[in-house]
Protein backbone atom coordinates (compact mmCIF):
# COMPACT_ATOMS: atom_id res chain seq x y z
CA MET A 1 -10.38 -59.48 117.69
CA GLN A 2 -13.65 -58.84 119.48
CA LYS A 3 -15.51 -60.85 116.83
CA TYR A 4 -13.05 -63.72 117.35
CA VAL A 5 -13.82 -63.83 121.06
CA LEU A 6 -17.57 -63.46 120.50
CA THR A 7 -17.70 -66.34 118.01
CA HIS A 8 -15.48 -68.75 119.90
CA LEU A 9 -16.39 -68.02 123.52
CA PRO A 10 -20.01 -69.29 123.30
CA MET A 11 -18.74 -72.50 121.66
CA ALA A 12 -16.23 -73.04 124.48
CA VAL A 13 -18.74 -72.31 127.24
CA GLY A 14 -21.40 -74.47 125.58
CA TYR A 15 -19.06 -77.45 125.20
CA GLY A 16 -17.69 -77.04 128.73
CA LEU A 17 -21.16 -76.88 130.25
CA PHE A 18 -22.41 -79.76 128.10
CA ILE A 19 -19.66 -82.08 129.35
CA PHE A 20 -20.23 -80.82 132.91
CA VAL A 21 -23.94 -81.66 132.73
CA ILE A 22 -23.21 -85.12 131.30
CA LYS A 23 -20.27 -86.03 133.53
CA GLY A 24 -20.12 -83.75 136.56
CA LEU A 25 -23.58 -82.69 137.65
CA PHE A 26 -24.51 -85.95 139.35
CA PRO A 27 -23.97 -87.36 141.92
CA ILE A 28 -24.37 -84.21 143.97
CA GLU A 29 -21.15 -83.75 145.90
CA GLY A 30 -19.32 -81.05 147.83
CA LEU A 31 -18.20 -77.61 146.75
CA ALA A 32 -14.71 -78.85 145.77
CA HIS A 33 -16.28 -81.13 143.14
CA TYR A 34 -18.11 -78.25 141.49
CA LEU A 35 -15.11 -75.91 141.72
CA ASN A 36 -13.08 -78.56 139.90
CA TRP A 37 -15.73 -78.59 137.16
CA MET A 38 -15.67 -74.79 136.98
CA GLY A 39 -11.93 -75.23 136.40
CA TRP A 40 -12.89 -77.52 133.52
CA VAL A 41 -15.06 -74.85 131.90
CA LEU A 42 -12.37 -72.20 132.43
CA GLY A 43 -9.75 -74.55 130.97
CA VAL A 44 -11.85 -75.13 127.86
CA ILE A 45 -12.25 -71.36 127.39
CA ILE A 46 -8.51 -70.81 127.76
CA GLY A 47 -7.73 -73.72 125.41
CA VAL A 48 -10.02 -72.32 122.73
CA LEU A 49 -8.57 -68.82 123.00
CA LEU A 50 -5.00 -70.11 123.34
CA LEU A 51 -5.00 -71.33 119.76
CA PHE A 52 -4.83 -67.72 118.59
CA ILE A 53 -1.13 -67.87 119.55
CA ASP A 54 -0.68 -69.94 116.39
CA ARG A 55 -1.21 -66.80 114.35
CA ILE A 56 1.48 -64.96 116.32
CA VAL A 57 3.88 -67.88 115.80
CA TYR A 58 3.14 -67.62 112.07
CA THR A 59 4.44 -64.03 111.99
CA TYR A 60 7.75 -65.17 113.48
CA SER A 61 7.94 -68.23 111.23
CA TYR A 62 7.40 -66.17 108.08
CA PRO A 63 8.88 -62.74 108.91
CA GLY A 64 9.07 -61.70 105.25
CA THR A 65 5.31 -61.68 104.75
CA GLN A 66 3.44 -58.41 104.73
CA ILE A 67 1.19 -59.46 107.59
CA ALA A 68 4.22 -60.36 109.73
CA GLN A 69 5.85 -57.00 109.07
CA GLN A 70 2.67 -55.08 109.87
CA PHE A 71 2.11 -57.12 113.03
CA SER A 72 5.70 -56.48 114.13
CA TRP A 73 5.35 -52.74 113.52
CA TYR A 74 2.13 -52.48 115.54
CA TRP A 75 3.65 -54.60 118.31
CA LYS A 76 6.76 -52.39 118.51
CA GLN A 77 4.48 -49.34 118.70
CA LYS A 78 2.78 -51.03 121.71
CA GLN A 79 -0.50 -51.14 119.80
CA TYR A 80 -1.19 -54.69 120.95
CA ILE A 81 -4.94 -54.77 120.31
CA THR A 82 -4.44 -53.36 116.81
CA ALA A 83 -1.75 -55.98 116.12
CA LEU A 84 -3.99 -58.83 117.27
CA THR A 85 -6.96 -57.43 115.36
CA LEU A 86 -4.80 -57.34 112.23
CA LEU A 87 -4.05 -61.04 112.63
CA TYR A 88 -7.73 -61.83 113.00
CA GLU A 89 -8.90 -59.67 110.10
CA ARG A 90 -6.27 -61.11 107.74
CA ARG A 91 -6.52 -64.67 109.06
CA LEU A 92 -7.15 -66.15 105.62
CA GLU A 93 -3.66 -65.13 104.49
CA ALA A 94 -2.01 -67.41 107.05
CA GLU A 95 -2.40 -70.93 105.69
CA ARG A 96 0.58 -72.70 107.23
CA LEU A 97 -0.43 -72.67 110.86
CA THR A 98 1.45 -75.34 112.78
CA PHE A 99 -1.19 -76.06 115.42
CA ARG A 100 -3.92 -76.43 112.81
CA SER A 101 -2.11 -79.03 110.73
CA SER A 102 -2.96 -82.70 110.49
CA LEU A 103 0.37 -83.62 112.10
CA PHE A 104 -0.45 -81.55 115.17
CA MET A 105 -3.83 -83.24 115.36
CA VAL A 106 -2.10 -86.63 115.33
CA VAL A 107 0.33 -85.50 118.06
CA TRP A 108 -2.60 -84.13 120.06
CA VAL A 109 -4.20 -87.59 120.43
CA PRO A 110 -1.59 -89.10 122.81
CA LEU A 111 -1.22 -85.75 124.57
CA ALA A 112 -4.96 -85.62 125.20
CA PHE A 113 -5.04 -89.26 126.26
CA PHE A 114 -2.27 -88.56 128.76
CA ALA A 115 -4.02 -85.44 130.07
CA VAL A 116 -7.41 -87.13 130.39
CA THR A 117 -6.09 -90.25 132.12
CA SER A 118 -3.29 -88.95 134.32
CA THR A 119 -4.69 -86.19 136.51
CA PRO A 120 -7.81 -85.70 138.59
CA GLN A 121 -7.73 -81.93 138.05
CA LEU A 122 -10.03 -80.83 135.27
CA PHE A 123 -8.44 -77.48 134.40
CA GLY A 124 -5.56 -79.01 132.38
CA LYS A 125 -7.92 -81.44 130.71
CA GLY A 126 -10.09 -78.51 129.73
CA VAL A 127 -7.18 -76.64 128.15
CA VAL A 128 -6.15 -79.66 126.07
CA MET A 129 -9.71 -80.40 124.96
CA GLY A 130 -10.40 -76.70 124.28
CA VAL A 131 -7.49 -76.52 121.84
CA MET A 132 -8.86 -79.41 119.78
CA LEU A 133 -12.42 -78.09 120.06
CA HIS A 134 -11.25 -74.90 118.37
CA ILE A 135 -9.32 -76.79 115.68
CA LEU A 136 -12.28 -79.04 114.90
CA TYR A 137 -14.73 -76.13 114.93
CA ASP A 138 -12.63 -74.23 112.40
CA SER A 139 -11.93 -77.36 110.34
CA TRP A 140 -15.56 -78.39 109.97
CA ARG A 141 -16.55 -74.80 109.17
CA LEU A 142 -13.89 -74.69 106.44
CA GLN A 143 -14.89 -78.15 105.19
CA LYS A 144 -18.37 -76.78 104.61
CA LYS A 145 -17.35 -73.42 103.11
CA ASP A 146 -14.07 -74.08 101.31
CA PRO A 147 -12.70 -77.66 101.34
CA ARG A 148 -9.65 -76.68 99.24
CA ARG A 149 -8.55 -74.12 101.82
CA LEU A 150 -9.01 -76.71 104.56
CA HIS A 151 -6.87 -79.10 102.53
CA LEU A 152 -4.07 -76.52 102.38
CA ARG A 153 -4.35 -75.83 106.09
CA LEU A 154 -4.39 -79.46 107.24
CA PHE A 155 -1.98 -81.14 104.87
CA TRP A 156 0.69 -78.59 103.99
CA LEU A 157 3.24 -80.67 105.94
CA ILE A 158 2.31 -83.89 104.13
CA LYS A 159 4.40 -84.58 101.04
CA ARG A 160 1.79 -86.57 99.14
CA VAL A 161 -1.57 -85.87 97.57
CA VAL A 162 -4.41 -86.33 100.05
CA THR A 163 -7.78 -86.91 98.40
CA ASP A 164 -10.99 -85.21 99.47
CA GLU A 165 -12.30 -88.52 100.78
CA GLU A 166 -9.18 -89.04 102.90
CA GLN A 167 -9.54 -85.51 104.23
CA LEU A 168 -13.12 -86.18 105.27
CA VAL A 169 -12.23 -89.54 106.84
CA PHE A 170 -9.40 -87.87 108.75
CA LEU A 171 -11.77 -85.21 110.11
CA TRP A 172 -14.33 -87.82 111.17
CA VAL A 173 -11.68 -89.96 112.89
CA VAL A 174 -10.25 -87.02 114.84
CA THR A 175 -13.76 -85.87 115.73
CA GLY A 176 -14.61 -89.37 116.94
CA ILE A 177 -11.48 -89.54 119.09
CA PHE A 178 -12.30 -86.09 120.46
CA GLY A 179 -15.83 -87.27 121.32
CA VAL A 180 -14.58 -90.39 123.10
CA LEU A 181 -12.00 -88.42 125.08
CA SER A 182 -14.64 -85.81 125.94
CA LEU A 183 -16.83 -88.50 127.47
CA TRP A 184 -13.83 -89.93 129.31
CA VAL A 185 -13.24 -86.65 131.18
CA GLY A 186 -14.33 -86.68 134.77
């Protein structure tokens, strides 16, 4: 679990600060402006870490799996850190994660558009963008290391064969939308 936080936290902070420097640093304004942007960075961090809940949801969606039974046992014993560490260490066994599917990514687009355009507060925008940052980070890493595993993760809800080219186009399109929405924040 500690490794999970140490690998994802720098990414979240880096992205949050990058967007802050591009969109929020200038013009120099009052303290409230910068506190709102600190809310942005905090929101991104929470959004990135929030996606871990998907692994907990998996244990309840598939209670018959060994990982779900072990997680449940540790949780009942109040060994929460051990239970969460188990989910991280055996993360490759959980392929059907709802929030990391292509359908969730498609649903995320209007949600993110709504969040980015409807409120002046940056915390909520940061949470929404942080969730997709984490999904894209993991997806591109898997695309590089193991494209077949990424295919299983993204398209398990799709009832047709998705080619490798379509998978790559899908990733680029979602990344492009994420980039545009990132620059729209502020």
